[in-house]
Amino acid sequence: MEPAHKTPPGIVLTDAQKKRQRERSIAIAVALGVLVVLFFAVTLVKGPAVLHRPM
């Protein structure tokens, strides 16, 4: 048996809101990718000297 009352579907986004949300997600992903590449490049530039520092 189904319940007598159905729960509302929750927040339903309009097409414009879905588009903006997707654009924000893509922007966040690109920014994160740039940071990863930047950290990788800095690590390559510093080279193995990073591991041989005085403690």
N, C-alpha and C. Protein backbone atom coordinates (compact mmCIF):
# COMPACT_ATOMS: atom_id res chain seq x y z
N MET A 1 0.84 -1.19 0.00
CA MET A 1 0.00 0.00 0.00
C MET A 1 0.88 1.25 0.00
N GLU A 2 0.40 2.24 -0.72
CA GLU A 2 1.12 3.51 -0.76
C GLU A 2 0.68 4.36 0.42
N PRO A 3 1.58 5.23 0.89
CA PRO A 3 1.18 6.12 1.99
C PRO A 3 0.09 7.09 1.52
N ALA A 4 -0.74 7.49 2.45
CA ALA A 4 -1.86 8.37 2.13
C ALA A 4 -1.39 9.73 1.65
N HIS A 5 -0.28 10.19 2.17
CA HIS A 5 0.23 11.50 1.74
C HIS A 5 1.60 11.30 1.09
N LYS A 6 1.80 11.98 0.01
CA LYS A 6 3.09 11.91 -0.68
C LYS A 6 3.94 13.10 -0.25
N THR A 7 5.23 12.85 -0.10
CA THR A 7 6.11 13.94 0.27
C THR A 7 6.42 14.77 -0.97
N PRO A 8 6.58 16.08 -0.79
CA PRO A 8 6.91 16.93 -1.94
C PRO A 8 8.29 16.56 -2.47
N PRO A 9 8.56 16.83 -3.75
CA PRO A 9 9.83 16.42 -4.36
C PRO A 9 11.04 17.19 -3.84
N GLY A 10 10.85 18.18 -2.99
CA GLY A 10 11.97 18.97 -2.49
C GLY A 10 12.19 20.19 -3.37
N ILE A 11 13.40 20.68 -3.36
CA ILE A 11 13.71 21.87 -4.15
C ILE A 11 13.86 21.47 -5.61
N VAL A 12 13.12 22.13 -6.47
CA VAL A 12 13.19 21.88 -7.90
C VAL A 12 13.79 23.12 -8.56
N LEU A 13 14.93 22.95 -9.21
CA LEU A 13 15.61 24.07 -9.84
C LEU A 13 15.05 24.32 -11.23
N THR A 14 15.04 25.60 -11.59
CA THR A 14 14.64 25.95 -12.94
C THR A 14 15.80 25.64 -13.89
N ASP A 15 15.54 25.69 -15.17
CA ASP A 15 16.60 25.41 -16.14
C ASP A 15 17.74 26.43 -16.02
N ALA A 16 17.39 27.69 -15.77
CA ALA A 16 18.43 28.73 -15.63
C ALA A 16 19.28 28.46 -14.40
N GLN A 17 18.67 28.02 -13.31
CA GLN A 17 19.42 27.72 -12.09
C GLN A 17 20.32 26.50 -12.30
N LYS A 18 19.82 25.50 -13.01
CA LYS A 18 20.63 24.32 -13.30
C LYS A 18 21.85 24.70 -14.14
N LYS A 19 21.65 25.61 -15.11
CA LYS A 19 22.75 26.05 -15.97
C LYS A 19 23.81 26.79 -15.16
N ARG A 20 23.36 27.70 -14.28
CA ARG A 20 24.31 28.44 -13.44
C ARG A 20 25.05 27.50 -12.49
N GLN A 21 24.34 26.51 -11.95
CA GLN A 21 24.97 25.55 -11.05
C GLN A 21 26.04 24.75 -11.78
N ARG A 22 25.74 24.35 -13.01
CA ARG A 22 26.72 23.60 -13.81
C ARG A 22 27.93 24.47 -14.13
N GLU A 23 27.69 25.74 -14.47
CA GLU A 23 28.80 26.65 -14.77
C GLU A 23 29.68 26.85 -13.55
N ARG A 24 29.06 26.98 -12.37
CA ARG A 24 29.84 27.11 -11.13
C ARG A 24 30.66 25.86 -10.87
N SER A 25 30.07 24.71 -11.08
CA SER A 25 30.77 23.44 -10.85
C SER A 25 31.97 23.32 -11.79
N ILE A 26 31.79 23.71 -13.04
CA ILE A 26 32.89 23.66 -14.00
C ILE A 26 33.98 24.64 -13.59
N ALA A 27 33.61 25.83 -13.14
CA ALA A 27 34.59 26.83 -12.72
C ALA A 27 35.39 26.32 -11.52
N ILE A 28 34.73 25.68 -10.58
CA ILE A 28 35.42 25.13 -9.41
C ILE A 28 36.37 24.02 -9.83
N ALA A 29 35.93 23.17 -10.75
CA ALA A 29 36.77 22.07 -11.23
C ALA A 29 38.01 22.61 -11.94
N VAL A 30 37.83 23.65 -12.76
CA VAL A 30 38.96 24.24 -13.48
C VAL A 30 39.94 24.87 -12.48
N ALA A 31 39.43 25.59 -11.51
CA ALA A 31 40.29 26.22 -10.51
C ALA A 31 41.07 25.16 -9.73
N LEU A 32 40.41 24.08 -9.37
CA LEU A 32 41.09 23.00 -8.65
C LEU A 32 42.17 22.36 -9.52
N GLY A 33 41.87 22.16 -10.80
CA GLY A 33 42.85 21.60 -11.72
C GLY A 33 44.07 22.51 -11.86
N VAL A 34 43.83 23.82 -11.94
CA VAL A 34 44.94 24.77 -12.05
C VAL A 34 45.81 24.71 -10.80
N LEU A 35 45.20 24.61 -9.63
CA LEU A 35 45.98 24.51 -8.39
C LEU A 35 46.82 23.24 -8.37
N VAL A 36 46.25 22.13 -8.81
CA VAL A 36 47.00 20.87 -8.85
C VAL A 36 48.20 21.00 -9.78
N VAL A 37 47.99 21.56 -10.95
CA VAL A 37 49.09 21.74 -11.91
C VAL A 37 50.14 22.70 -11.34
N LEU A 38 49.70 23.76 -10.68
CA LEU A 38 50.63 24.71 -10.08
C LEU A 38 51.49 24.05 -9.01
N PHE A 39 50.87 23.28 -8.11
CA PHE A 39 51.64 22.59 -7.07
C PHE A 39 52.61 21.59 -7.69
N PHE A 40 52.18 20.90 -8.72
CA PHE A 40 53.04 19.93 -9.39
C PHE A 40 54.23 20.64 -10.03
N ALA A 41 53.97 21.77 -10.70
CA ALA A 41 55.04 22.52 -11.36
C ALA A 41 56.04 23.06 -10.34
N VAL A 42 55.55 23.57 -9.22
CA VAL A 42 56.45 24.09 -8.18
C VAL A 42 57.30 22.96 -7.63
N THR A 43 56.71 21.79 -7.44
CA THR A 43 57.45 20.64 -6.95
C THR A 43 58.55 20.24 -7.95
N LEU A 44 58.25 20.26 -9.23
CA LEU A 44 59.26 19.93 -10.24
C LEU A 44 60.38 20.96 -10.27
N VAL A 45 60.02 22.23 -10.14
CA VAL A 45 61.03 23.30 -10.19
C VAL A 45 61.96 23.20 -8.98
N LYS A 46 61.40 22.94 -7.81
CA LYS A 46 62.23 22.84 -6.60
C LYS A 46 63.10 21.59 -6.65
N GLY A 47 62.62 20.56 -7.31
CA GLY A 47 63.41 19.34 -7.48
C GLY A 47 63.61 18.56 -6.21
N PRO A 48 64.58 17.64 -6.22
CA PRO A 48 64.79 16.77 -5.07
C PRO A 48 65.37 17.51 -3.86
N ALA A 49 65.79 18.76 -4.02
CA ALA A 49 66.32 19.51 -2.89
C ALA A 49 65.28 19.69 -1.79
N VAL A 50 64.03 19.53 -2.12
CA VAL A 50 62.96 19.65 -1.13
C VAL A 50 63.15 18.60 -0.03
N LEU A 51 63.66 17.44 -0.40
CA LEU A 51 63.81 16.35 0.56
C LEU A 51 65.08 16.48 1.41
N HIS A 52 66.04 17.30 1.00
CA HIS A 52 67.34 17.40 1.70
C HIS A 52 67.47 18.74 2.39
N ARG A 53 66.60 19.03 3.31
CA ARG A 53 66.71 20.28 4.04
C ARG A 53 67.02 19.98 5.51
N PRO A 54 67.69 20.88 6.18
CA PRO A 54 68.02 20.63 7.60
C PRO A 54 66.75 20.66 8.45
N MET A 55 66.73 19.80 9.43
CA MET A 55 65.56 19.73 10.32
C MET A 55 65.84 20.45 11.60
